[in-house]
Amino acid sequence: MENSIDPVIKEIPVFLSTKLADKLFIFQYPMKAAHEGYDNATFTKTAIKPENQEVVIEVQINTQDSHYNVNKGQAIAAHAEMSSKRDQEEDERIFDSHTMDKIIMQSSRALPNCDNYAIGVFQDGELHITPLKGIVQMRPEFNYLDKIEKRGKDEGKNTDTEEEDEPAKQVNVTFARQVPDFIKKMREQSFQTHAKKCLEEQWISCQYKPATSSLSELTRMEMFCSTNDESANNLNLSTKQYLDLLAPPLKEEQFSKANIPSHTTSLSYIRTLPLLDQVRILMKDAKVMSFAQLRTILSTEHETTAILKYLQQVAVLVQGNWVVNSELIYPKDTMSAHSGIPAELMCRARDYVLLSFTEHEFVDRRAVSSIVKLPAEEIREIFTNIAKHQPKKGWRLIVNPSKEFSERYPEISQRQEIFWEAKRKHLREAMEAQNQAPQRQRRKSNRESIGSENEERNIGRGISGRKLMRDSSVSDNDSAPENIKQKKINRNRKTSETSV
């Protein structure tokens, strides 16, 4: 390092502390200004789910403040109390003082994975770092208001349905069939299973300690690593070996300049990359683009056949325009930023949205949500990235539909139709497996057993029975004309007797 152009000015020892590695969180409050915060607030109740990284905090409101509306606070508390009394699942009163005297804050993950993040403390010329468990953002939640609104809608529906008696309906009994292993695996990775695991974990009550308390000061001291630990100095490595451990070099086949975010690169730099990387960056940035637009952005030196070849690897054809693949938006082994949904489920949901756009020009987001069954913010993000909303019609793609590409390149268009047909079958099976509820097997009733026994008895004599019925029907038909003739003869005799 002595002959290096960039000499070392100062060396700082770095220590890794693991005492709080599984307990250290960063709390962010995006609804509060940085200079306000909650340092001087009173936390009346706190609870946490460590495995799912969920936190609930109740912050006290100063009801004596001149800006506080007492009448409004009492009205909200009264509605919330009615909601809690009618709800069988909740036994506790939301507001004990009969007025809205607190705000309930619910957490959401800011990052799905914090393995590469740590908190550092620099003191006495030493840097002590502690790995982070997670980063959560705290926002106010008003579930009791949502329950009041929902209960009002349900009561309105019940009054309408009570007026009319429902007619008797036929009940169809279905029996559960054996489910393949891959469908069971998809069910385990579904959002319903993830939500169920979150509900199964119990809340752990906590006691909030201010930052200036003695216990907080002792906890901060645990972020320092003991310098007596001999393992901290056992690094008998060369400079190159240490750098390789600190930042492992990527394999050549895994390295791609296209991984650089497109907003940090200029168009002139993008044009210096290989053609595949150019198409990938442009499509990932634009999300939806026509082939004519892509052709004008790329250099004229590239052949059209080569562009089409690479375009089919990174995008799919929807309504005559090209949309970037879901795997590029949600890479493998990643999770969504809003709710931590696995990338596989996000790709499946986005593919279903694209499939809907191949079948209809306008798509109803609520209908898609009822089938996909993902959080509303995830579905909204998928739609807003590729479509725009039109009132009273629904969502449509950002770029208008066009038949120019299909007419100019019918072979590629036909190939894309075959792709979407296969994708339709795959998504239908996946959605059915995700939404199918396990069904119980019911014992056969006496009526069903008697019916099955009669069917078995009739199997052996089915042929002879059919012949007898056929012969009897034929004989009846043959005897019908004779009966008619006999009736006419008798009637003629009666008329002749009366005339005499």
Protein backbone atom coordinates (compact mmCIF):
# COMPACT_ATOMS: atom_id res chain seq x y z
CA MET A 1 0.00 0.00 0.00
CA GLU A 2 3.03 2.31 0.30
CA ASN A 3 3.42 2.65 -3.47
CA SER A 4 -0.29 3.20 -4.03
CA ILE A 5 -1.43 6.35 -5.78
CA ASP A 6 -4.11 6.79 -3.11
CA PRO A 7 -2.16 6.52 0.17
CA VAL A 8 -3.71 5.52 3.47
CA ILE A 9 -4.19 8.58 5.64
CA LYS A 10 -5.51 6.92 8.76
CA GLU A 11 -6.26 3.41 9.94
CA ILE A 12 -9.34 2.83 12.12
CA PRO A 13 -9.87 -0.48 13.93
CA VAL A 14 -13.30 -2.01 13.28
CA PHE A 15 -15.03 -4.24 15.82
CA LEU A 16 -18.11 -6.39 15.35
CA SER A 17 -20.50 -6.58 18.30
CA THR A 18 -23.09 -9.37 18.30
CA LYS A 19 -24.75 -8.83 21.67
CA LEU A 20 -27.73 -7.04 20.08
CA ALA A 21 -27.53 -8.69 16.65
CA ASP A 22 -30.99 -10.33 16.93
CA LYS A 23 -32.63 -7.49 18.85
CA LEU A 24 -31.63 -4.25 17.14
CA PHE A 25 -34.26 -2.46 15.05
CA ILE A 26 -34.47 0.94 13.41
CA PHE A 27 -37.82 2.70 13.86
CA GLN A 28 -38.79 5.30 11.27
CA TYR A 29 -41.70 7.71 11.56
CA PRO A 30 -42.42 9.00 8.03
CA MET A 31 -45.57 10.88 9.16
CA LYS A 32 -43.58 13.04 11.59
CA ALA A 33 -41.02 15.72 10.90
CA ALA A 34 -37.45 14.95 11.92
CA HIS A 35 -37.28 17.79 14.46
CA GLU A 36 -40.55 16.69 16.13
CA GLY A 37 -40.35 12.92 16.42
CA TYR A 38 -41.62 11.02 19.45
CA ASP A 39 -38.75 11.60 21.88
CA ASN A 40 -41.00 13.54 24.26
CA ALA A 41 -44.16 11.49 23.59
CA THR A 42 -45.76 9.16 26.12
CA PHE A 43 -46.04 5.54 25.01
CA THR A 44 -48.86 3.91 26.97
CA LYS A 45 -48.56 0.43 25.45
CA THR A 46 -46.09 -1.39 23.19
CA ALA A 47 -46.03 -4.90 21.75
CA ILE A 48 -43.89 -6.77 19.22
CA LYS A 49 -43.84 -9.93 17.11
CA PRO A 50 -40.09 -10.57 16.68
CA GLU A 51 -40.30 -13.27 14.02
CA ASN A 52 -42.62 -11.31 11.71
CA GLN A 53 -41.11 -7.96 12.74
CA GLU A 54 -44.43 -6.36 13.63
CA VAL A 55 -44.72 -3.61 16.24
CA VAL A 56 -47.72 -1.83 17.78
CA ILE A 57 -47.32 1.36 19.79
CA GLU A 58 -50.03 3.38 21.53
CA VAL A 59 -49.08 7.08 21.79
CA GLN A 60 -50.95 9.27 24.25
CA ILE A 61 -52.72 12.40 22.96
CA ASN A 62 -52.79 15.57 25.02
CA THR A 63 -56.55 16.09 25.39
CA GLN A 64 -55.95 19.33 27.31
CA ASP A 65 -54.35 21.01 24.33
CA SER A 66 -56.19 24.03 22.94
CA HIS A 67 -56.18 22.47 19.44
CA TYR A 68 -57.94 19.30 20.63
CA ASN A 69 -61.65 18.99 19.76
CA VAL A 70 -63.25 17.36 22.78
CA ASN A 71 -66.66 16.75 21.15
CA LYS A 72 -65.12 15.06 18.16
CA GLY A 73 -62.89 12.95 20.37
CA GLN A 74 -65.85 11.77 22.44
CA ALA A 75 -67.87 10.95 19.32
CA ILE A 76 -65.05 8.83 17.89
CA ALA A 77 -64.63 7.01 21.21
CA ALA A 78 -68.38 6.33 21.39
CA HIS A 79 -68.44 4.79 17.91
CA ALA A 80 -65.35 2.73 18.72
CA GLU A 81 -66.96 1.49 21.96
CA MET A 82 -70.07 0.35 20.06
CA SER A 83 -67.82 -1.45 17.60
CA SER A 84 -65.92 -3.27 20.37
CA LYS A 85 -69.11 -4.36 22.14
CA ARG A 86 -70.61 -5.89 19.00
CA ASP A 87 -67.37 -7.56 18.00
CA GLN A 88 -67.11 -10.91 19.76
CA GLU A 89 -63.38 -11.14 19.17
CA GLU A 90 -62.56 -7.99 21.14
CA ASP A 91 -63.25 -7.86 24.86
CA GLU A 92 -61.22 -4.76 25.66
CA ARG A 93 -62.45 -1.21 25.30
CA ILE A 94 -60.40 0.83 22.85
CA PHE A 95 -60.63 4.15 24.73
CA ASP A 96 -60.96 3.75 28.50
CA SER A 97 -61.51 7.48 29.13
CA HIS A 98 -64.53 7.65 26.77
CA THR A 99 -62.58 10.03 24.55
CA MET A 100 -59.97 9.59 21.85
CA ASP A 101 -56.89 10.00 24.04
CA LYS A 102 -54.37 7.92 22.06
CA ILE A 103 -53.16 7.02 18.59
CA ILE A 104 -52.39 3.42 17.67
CA MET A 105 -49.35 3.05 15.42
CA GLN A 106 -48.75 -0.08 13.33
CA SER A 107 -45.44 -1.06 11.74
CA SER A 108 -44.56 -2.09 8.19
CA ARG A 109 -41.26 -3.33 6.86
CA ALA A 110 -39.14 -0.71 5.19
CA LEU A 111 -36.81 -3.38 3.76
CA PRO A 112 -37.54 -7.09 3.35
CA ASN A 113 -33.94 -8.06 4.15
CA CYS A 114 -31.43 -6.18 6.32
CA ASP A 115 -28.52 -8.62 6.19
CA ASN A 116 -26.25 -5.94 4.68
CA TYR A 117 -27.14 -3.23 7.18
CA ALA A 118 -25.58 -2.39 10.54
CA ILE A 119 -25.43 0.37 13.14
CA GLY A 120 -22.03 1.90 13.81
CA VAL A 121 -20.73 3.73 16.88
CA PHE A 122 -17.47 5.66 16.57
CA GLN A 123 -15.73 6.39 19.85
CA ASP A 124 -12.11 6.79 20.96
CA GLY A 125 -10.83 6.20 17.43
CA GLU A 126 -12.65 2.85 17.11
CA LEU A 127 -15.66 1.85 15.01
CA HIS A 128 -18.03 -0.67 16.58
CA ILE A 129 -20.77 -2.07 14.32
CA THR A 130 -23.81 -4.17 15.23
CA PRO A 131 -25.88 -6.03 12.61
CA LEU A 132 -29.48 -4.94 12.22
CA LYS A 133 -32.45 -7.24 12.71
CA GLY A 134 -34.83 -5.08 10.72
CA ILE A 135 -36.03 -1.61 9.73
CA VAL A 136 -39.70 -0.79 10.32
CA GLN A 137 -41.81 2.26 9.61
CA MET A 138 -44.49 3.30 12.09
CA ARG A 139 -47.73 4.82 10.79
CA PRO A 140 -51.07 5.52 12.50
CA GLU A 141 -53.79 2.92 11.90
CA PHE A 142 -57.52 3.33 12.45
CA ASN A 143 -58.93 -0.18 12.29
CA TYR A 144 -61.82 0.69 14.59
CA LEU A 145 -63.06 3.27 12.07
CA ASP A 146 -62.87 0.70 9.30
CA LYS A 147 -64.87 -1.77 11.42
CA ILE A 148 -67.59 0.82 12.01
CA GLU A 149 -67.93 1.52 8.29
CA LYS A 150 -67.89 -2.17 7.39
CA ARG A 151 -70.47 -3.03 10.05
CA GLY A 152 -72.78 -0.32 8.72
CA LYS A 153 -72.58 -1.77 5.22
CA ASP A 154 -73.18 -5.30 6.53
CA GLU A 155 -76.22 -4.22 8.53
CA GLY A 156 -77.65 -2.55 5.43
CA LYS A 157 -77.21 -5.74 3.49
CA ASN A 158 -78.80 -7.81 6.25
CA THR A 159 -81.93 -5.63 6.34
CA ASP A 160 -82.36 -6.09 2.62
CA THR A 161 -81.92 -9.83 2.74
CA GLU A 162 -84.20 -10.33 5.77
CA GLU A 163 -87.22 -9.00 3.89
CA GLU A 164 -87.13 -11.82 1.36
CA ASP A 165 -87.04 -15.49 2.30
CA GLU A 166 -84.37 -17.36 0.45
CA PRO A 167 -85.70 -20.26 -1.62
CA ALA A 168 -84.46 -23.75 -0.98
CA LYS A 169 -81.25 -24.50 -2.84
CA GLN A 170 -79.81 -27.76 -3.97
CA VAL A 171 -76.68 -28.76 -2.08
CA ASN A 172 -73.92 -30.36 -4.11
CA VAL A 173 -71.46 -32.51 -2.20
CA THR A 174 -67.89 -32.67 -3.49
CA PHE A 175 -65.14 -34.91 -2.24
CA ALA A 176 -61.53 -33.83 -1.77
CA ARG A 177 -59.11 -35.27 -4.24
CA GLN A 178 -55.46 -36.00 -3.72
CA VAL A 179 -53.41 -32.83 -4.18
CA PRO A 180 -50.01 -33.07 -5.94
CA ASP A 181 -46.88 -32.07 -4.07
CA PHE A 182 -46.13 -29.02 -6.22
CA ILE A 183 -49.60 -27.61 -5.49
CA LYS A 184 -49.03 -28.13 -1.75
CA LYS A 185 -45.75 -26.25 -2.08
CA MET A 186 -47.47 -23.36 -3.83
CA ARG A 187 -50.07 -23.23 -1.07
CA GLU A 188 -47.32 -23.01 1.53
CA GLN A 189 -45.79 -20.05 -0.31
CA SER A 190 -49.12 -18.27 -0.79
CA PHE A 191 -49.98 -14.99 0.86
CA GLN A 192 -52.76 -16.68 2.86
CA THR A 193 -50.22 -19.01 4.47
CA HIS A 194 -47.89 -16.10 5.19
CA ALA A 195 -50.73 -14.13 6.78
CA LYS A 196 -51.79 -17.15 8.81
CA LYS A 197 -48.28 -17.51 10.25
CA CYS A 198 -48.32 -13.84 11.17
CA LEU A 199 -51.59 -14.29 13.04
CA GLU A 200 -50.36 -17.39 14.85
CA GLU A 201 -47.41 -15.59 16.45
CA GLN A 202 -48.33 -14.12 19.82
CA TRP A 203 -47.79 -10.48 20.71
CA ILE A 204 -45.10 -9.87 23.32
CA SER A 205 -45.85 -6.92 25.58
CA CYS A 206 -42.96 -4.51 26.10
CA GLN A 207 -42.22 -1.58 28.35
CA TYR A 208 -40.96 1.57 26.67
CA LYS A 209 -37.92 3.25 28.16
CA PRO A 210 -36.99 6.83 27.18
CA ALA A 211 -33.67 7.42 25.46
CA THR A 212 -32.38 9.31 28.49
CA SER A 213 -33.06 6.49 30.99
CA SER A 214 -30.28 4.52 32.64
CA LEU A 215 -31.48 1.25 31.09
CA SER A 216 -31.22 2.77 27.60
CA GLU A 217 -27.70 3.90 28.37
CA LEU A 218 -26.73 0.39 29.50
CA THR A 219 -28.25 -1.07 26.34
CA ARG A 220 -26.22 1.31 24.18
CA MET A 221 -23.08 0.13 25.93
CA GLU A 222 -23.78 -3.36 24.56
CA MET A 223 -23.15 -1.99 21.08
CA PHE A 224 -19.46 -1.80 21.94
CA CYS A 225 -17.33 -4.89 21.37
CA SER A 226 -14.92 -5.89 24.08
CA THR A 227 -11.34 -5.18 22.97
CA ASN A 228 -10.14 -8.16 25.03
CA ASP A 229 -11.65 -10.55 22.51
CA GLU A 230 -8.67 -12.21 20.86
CA SER A 231 -10.68 -13.33 17.84
CA ALA A 232 -11.01 -9.70 16.79
CA ASN A 233 -7.32 -9.48 15.85
CA ASN A 234 -6.74 -12.91 14.29
CA LEU A 235 -6.64 -11.67 10.68
CA ASN A 236 -3.37 -13.01 9.31
CA LEU A 237 -4.33 -12.16 5.74
CA SER A 238 -2.73 -10.25 2.95
CA THR A 239 -4.27 -7.07 1.62
CA LYS A 240 -5.76 -8.82 -1.43
CA GLN A 241 -7.20 -11.67 0.65
CA TYR A 242 -8.79 -9.23 3.05
CA LEU A 243 -10.37 -7.25 0.21
CA ASP A 244 -11.66 -10.45 -1.38
CA LEU A 245 -13.32 -11.43 1.89
CA LEU A 246 -14.71 -7.95 2.39
CA ALA A 247 -16.05 -7.66 -1.17
CA PRO A 248 -16.05 -11.03 -2.98
CA PRO A 249 -15.48 -10.60 -6.72
CA LEU A 250 -18.37 -11.54 -8.99
CA LYS A 251 -18.00 -14.25 -11.56
CA GLU A 252 -17.62 -13.03 -15.11
CA GLU A 253 -20.77 -14.78 -16.31
CA GLN A 254 -22.74 -13.15 -13.46
CA PHE A 255 -21.37 -9.67 -14.03
CA SER A 256 -23.44 -7.42 -16.22
CA LYS A 257 -23.28 -3.69 -16.59
CA ALA A 258 -27.03 -3.78 -17.11
CA ASN A 259 -27.43 -4.15 -13.34
CA ILE A 260 -26.56 -0.46 -13.01
CA PRO A 261 -29.77 1.53 -12.40
CA SER A 262 -30.93 3.16 -15.60
CA HIS A 263 -31.64 6.50 -13.91
CA THR A 264 -27.92 6.83 -13.08
CA THR A 265 -26.75 6.23 -16.65
CA SER A 266 -27.06 8.33 -19.74
CA LEU A 267 -28.36 7.14 -23.08
CA SER A 268 -24.93 7.54 -24.61
CA TYR A 269 -23.48 5.19 -22.00
CA ILE A 270 -26.30 2.67 -22.47
CA ARG A 271 -25.50 2.51 -26.18
CA THR A 272 -21.97 1.34 -25.34
CA LEU A 273 -23.31 -1.80 -23.65
CA PRO A 274 -24.07 -5.09 -25.40
CA LEU A 275 -27.38 -5.14 -27.24
CA LEU A 276 -29.04 -7.50 -24.77
CA ASP A 277 -28.16 -5.21 -21.86
CA GLN A 278 -29.42 -2.19 -23.78
CA VAL A 279 -32.78 -3.80 -24.41
CA ARG A 280 -33.01 -5.01 -20.80
CA ILE A 281 -32.25 -1.58 -19.30
CA LEU A 282 -34.62 0.29 -21.62
CA MET A 283 -37.50 -2.14 -21.12
CA LYS A 284 -37.03 -2.30 -17.35
CA ASP A 285 -37.06 1.49 -17.17
CA ALA A 286 -40.02 2.04 -19.51
CA LYS A 287 -42.07 -1.02 -18.40
CA VAL A 288 -44.25 -0.71 -21.55
CA MET A 289 -42.98 0.28 -24.99
CA SER A 290 -43.86 -0.24 -28.62
CA PHE A 291 -41.31 -1.80 -30.93
CA ALA A 292 -41.18 1.35 -33.03
CA GLN A 293 -40.23 3.42 -29.98
CA LEU A 294 -37.53 0.95 -28.97
CA ARG A 295 -36.13 0.91 -32.51
CA THR A 296 -35.77 4.69 -32.56
CA ILE A 297 -33.88 4.71 -29.24
CA LEU A 298 -31.40 2.00 -30.19
CA SER A 299 -28.58 2.66 -32.59
CA THR A 300 -29.27 2.12 -36.28
CA GLU A 301 -26.27 -0.17 -36.58
CA HIS A 302 -28.14 -2.99 -34.86
CA GLU A 303 -30.14 -5.32 -37.08
CA THR A 304 -33.86 -5.71 -36.53
CA THR A 305 -33.62 -9.48 -36.22
CA ALA A 306 -31.10 -9.19 -33.39
CA ILE A 307 -33.29 -6.67 -31.55
CA LEU A 308 -36.33 -8.92 -31.87
CA LYS A 309 -34.32 -11.89 -30.64
CA TYR A 310 -33.25 -10.17 -27.43
CA LEU A 311 -36.58 -8.38 -26.98
CA GLN A 312 -38.41 -11.72 -26.69
CA GLN A 313 -36.02 -12.71 -23.88
CA VAL A 314 -36.82 -9.72 -21.65
CA ALA A 315 -40.42 -8.78 -22.57
CA VAL A 316 -43.79 -10.15 -23.67
CA LEU A 317 -46.27 -8.91 -26.26
CA VAL A 318 -49.48 -7.40 -24.88
CA GLN A 319 -51.99 -5.55 -27.10
CA GLY A 320 -49.35 -5.06 -29.78
CA ASN A 321 -46.84 -3.50 -27.33
CA TRP A 322 -43.97 -4.99 -25.36
CA VAL A 323 -44.07 -5.24 -21.55
CA VAL A 324 -41.02 -6.13 -19.47
CA ASN A 325 -40.96 -9.60 -17.90
CA SER A 326 -42.12 -9.93 -14.31
CA GLU A 327 -38.88 -11.70 -13.35
CA LEU A 328 -36.93 -8.51 -14.06
CA ILE A 329 -39.24 -6.45 -11.85
CA TYR A 330 -39.27 -9.02 -9.03
CA PRO A 331 -35.98 -10.96 -9.13
CA LYS A 332 -35.76 -14.43 -7.65
CA ASP A 333 -35.31 -14.83 -3.87
CA THR A 334 -36.45 -11.25 -3.20
CA MET A 335 -39.51 -9.85 -1.46
CA SER A 336 -41.80 -6.93 -2.14
CA ALA A 337 -41.11 -3.65 -0.38
CA HIS A 338 -44.65 -3.08 0.96
CA SER A 339 -45.69 -6.37 2.57
CA GLY A 340 -42.70 -8.68 2.12
CA ILE A 341 -44.46 -10.92 -0.41
CA PRO A 342 -42.12 -13.47 -2.08
CA ALA A 343 -41.04 -12.69 -5.63
CA GLU A 344 -42.69 -15.86 -6.97
CA LEU A 345 -46.14 -14.70 -5.84
CA MET A 346 -45.57 -11.18 -7.13
CA CYS A 347 -44.52 -12.50 -10.55
CA ARG A 348 -47.57 -14.74 -10.66
CA ALA A 349 -49.88 -11.84 -9.80
CA ARG A 350 -48.28 -9.53 -12.36
CA ASP A 351 -48.47 -12.23 -15.05
CA TYR A 352 -52.17 -12.62 -14.31
CA VAL A 353 -52.64 -8.87 -14.75
CA LEU A 354 -50.80 -8.98 -18.09
CA LEU A 355 -52.89 -11.97 -19.13
CA SER A 356 -56.04 -9.97 -18.35
CA PHE A 357 -54.79 -7.17 -20.60
CA THR A 358 -54.27 -9.64 -23.45
CA GLU A 359 -57.96 -10.56 -23.19
CA HIS A 360 -59.52 -7.16 -22.46
CA GLU A 361 -58.60 -3.57 -23.23
CA PHE A 362 -59.89 -2.41 -19.83
CA VAL A 363 -59.30 -4.40 -16.62
CA ASP A 364 -61.08 -4.09 -13.27
CA ARG A 365 -58.53 -3.96 -10.47
CA ARG A 366 -61.02 -5.17 -7.84
CA ALA A 367 -61.84 -8.26 -9.89
CA VAL A 368 -58.14 -9.05 -10.17
CA SER A 369 -57.65 -8.56 -6.42
CA SER A 370 -60.45 -11.01 -5.64
CA ILE A 371 -58.64 -13.71 -7.63
CA VAL A 372 -55.01 -12.93 -6.87
CA LYS A 373 -55.66 -12.27 -3.15
CA LEU A 374 -52.64 -10.06 -2.43
CA PRO A 375 -52.54 -6.84 -0.38
CA ALA A 376 -54.16 -3.84 -2.06
CA GLU A 377 -50.93 -1.81 -2.15
CA GLU A 378 -49.12 -4.59 -4.03
CA ILE A 379 -51.88 -4.84 -6.66
CA ARG A 380 -51.98 -1.06 -6.98
CA GLU A 381 -48.23 -0.92 -7.58
CA ILE A 382 -48.49 -3.52 -10.36
CA PHE A 383 -51.24 -1.57 -12.11
CA THR A 384 -49.70 1.90 -11.75
CA ASN A 385 -46.41 0.76 -13.28
CA ILE A 386 -47.96 -0.43 -16.56
CA ALA A 387 -51.44 1.10 -16.81
CA LYS A 388 -53.52 4.18 -16.17
CA HIS A 389 -57.03 4.43 -14.79
CA GLN A 390 -60.00 5.80 -16.67
CA PRO A 391 -63.17 6.56 -14.69
CA LYS A 392 -66.16 4.27 -15.31
CA LYS A 393 -64.05 2.06 -17.59
CA GLY A 394 -61.16 0.64 -15.62
CA TRP A 395 -57.43 0.35 -16.16
CA ARG A 396 -55.77 0.35 -19.57
CA LEU A 397 -52.15 0.12 -20.68
CA ILE A 398 -50.04 3.26 -20.75
CA VAL A 399 -49.42 2.80 -24.48
CA ASN A 400 -52.47 2.55 -26.74
CA PRO A 401 -53.19 -0.84 -28.36
CA SER A 402 -51.78 -1.34 -31.84
CA LYS A 403 -51.94 -3.98 -34.57
CA GLU A 404 -48.90 -2.68 -36.43
CA PHE A 405 -46.44 -5.15 -34.93
CA SER A 406 -48.76 -8.15 -35.37
CA GLU A 407 -49.34 -7.31 -39.02
CA ARG A 408 -45.63 -6.74 -39.68
CA TYR A 409 -44.29 -9.73 -37.74
CA PRO A 410 -47.08 -12.36 -37.71
CA GLU A 411 -44.77 -15.24 -36.77
CA ILE A 412 -43.60 -13.56 -33.56
CA SER A 413 -47.16 -12.51 -32.77
CA GLN A 414 -48.39 -16.09 -33.20
CA ARG A 415 -45.56 -17.36 -31.02
CA GLN A 416 -46.60 -14.92 -28.29
CA GLU A 417 -50.20 -16.11 -28.52
CA ILE A 418 -49.04 -19.69 -27.95
CA PHE A 419 -46.99 -18.48 -24.99
CA TRP A 420 -50.00 -16.74 -23.41
CA GLU A 421 -52.19 -19.80 -23.98
CA ALA A 422 -49.72 -21.94 -22.03
CA LYS A 423 -49.38 -19.22 -19.41
CA ARG A 424 -53.18 -19.11 -19.06
CA LYS A 425 -53.35 -22.83 -18.24
CA HIS A 426 -50.47 -22.56 -15.78
CA LEU A 427 -51.95 -19.55 -13.98
CA ARG A 428 -55.38 -21.15 -13.80
CA GLU A 429 -53.93 -24.22 -12.08
CA ALA A 430 -51.86 -22.08 -9.74
CA MET A 431 -54.79 -19.82 -8.82
CA GLU A 432 -57.11 -22.78 -8.24
CA ALA A 433 -54.52 -24.41 -6.01
CA GLN A 434 -54.05 -21.17 -4.09
CA ASN A 435 -57.75 -20.43 -3.63
CA GLN A 436 -59.00 -24.01 -3.15
CA ALA A 437 -60.04 -24.62 0.43
CA PRO A 438 -59.54 -28.07 1.97
CA GLN A 439 -62.84 -29.96 1.98
CA ARG A 440 -64.03 -32.68 4.32
CA GLN A 441 -65.19 -36.06 3.17
CA ARG A 442 -68.81 -36.72 4.16
CA ARG A 443 -70.24 -40.12 4.92
CA LYS A 444 -72.77 -41.35 2.42
CA SER A 445 -76.36 -41.00 3.52
CA ASN A 446 -78.87 -43.84 3.46
CA ARG A 447 -80.44 -42.41 0.36
CA GLU A 448 -77.10 -42.34 -1.47
CA SER A 449 -76.25 -45.89 -0.31
CA ILE A 450 -79.67 -47.23 -1.39
CA GLY A 451 -79.31 -45.46 -4.73
CA SER A 452 -75.87 -46.94 -5.27
CA GLU A 453 -77.14 -50.46 -4.39
CA ASN A 454 -80.01 -50.12 -6.83
CA GLU A 455 -77.58 -49.02 -9.51
CA GLU A 456 -75.40 -52.06 -8.87
CA ARG A 457 -78.42 -54.38 -9.05
CA ASN A 458 -79.54 -52.86 -12.30
CA ILE A 459 -76.14 -53.23 -13.94
CA GLY A 460 -76.57 -56.97 -14.52
CA ARG A 461 -80.08 -56.76 -15.85
CA GLY A 462 -79.72 -53.47 -17.69
CA ILE A 463 -79.67 -55.08 -21.12
CA SER A 464 -82.67 -57.32 -20.55
CA GLY A 465 -84.59 -54.48 -18.95
CA ARG A 466 -84.00 -52.31 -21.96
CA LYS A 467 -85.23 -55.08 -24.27
CA LEU A 468 -88.39 -55.59 -22.22
CA MET A 469 -89.15 -51.91 -22.24
CA ARG A 470 -88.54 -51.71 -25.95
CA ASP A 471 -90.75 -54.77 -26.64
CA SER A 472 -93.50 -53.48 -24.41
CA SER A 473 -93.43 -50.10 -26.08
CA VAL A 474 -93.62 -51.70 -29.50
CA SER A 475 -96.51 -53.93 -28.47
CA ASP A 476 -98.40 -51.01 -27.03
CA ASN A 477 -97.97 -49.09 -30.23
CA ASP A 478 -99.14 -52.06 -32.28
CA SER A 479 -102.25 -52.59 -30.16
CA ALA A 480 -103.22 -48.95 -30.26
CA PRO A 481 -104.74 -48.96 -33.80
CA GLU A 482 -106.75 -52.13 -33.04
CA ASN A 483 -108.28 -50.53 -29.95
CA ILE A 484 -109.24 -47.48 -31.97
CA LYS A 485 -110.95 -49.66 -34.63
CA GLN A 486 -112.85 -51.64 -31.98
CA LYS A 487 -114.15 -48.42 -30.42
CA LYS A 488 -115.38 -47.18 -33.81
CA ILE A 489 -117.27 -50.49 -34.45
CA ASN A 490 -118.97 -50.34 -31.06
CA ARG A 491 -119.95 -46.72 -31.65
CA ASN A 492 -121.52 -47.57 -35.08
CA ARG A 493 -123.51 -50.39 -33.48
CA LYS A 494 -124.97 -48.06 -30.88
CA THR A 495 -126.05 -45.54 -33.51
CA SER A 496 -127.73 -48.23 -35.62
CA GLU A 497 -129.70 -49.57 -32.63
CA THR A 498 -130.99 -46.12 -31.74
CA SER A 499 -132.14 -45.47 -35.30
CA VAL A 500 -134.11 -48.72 -35.38
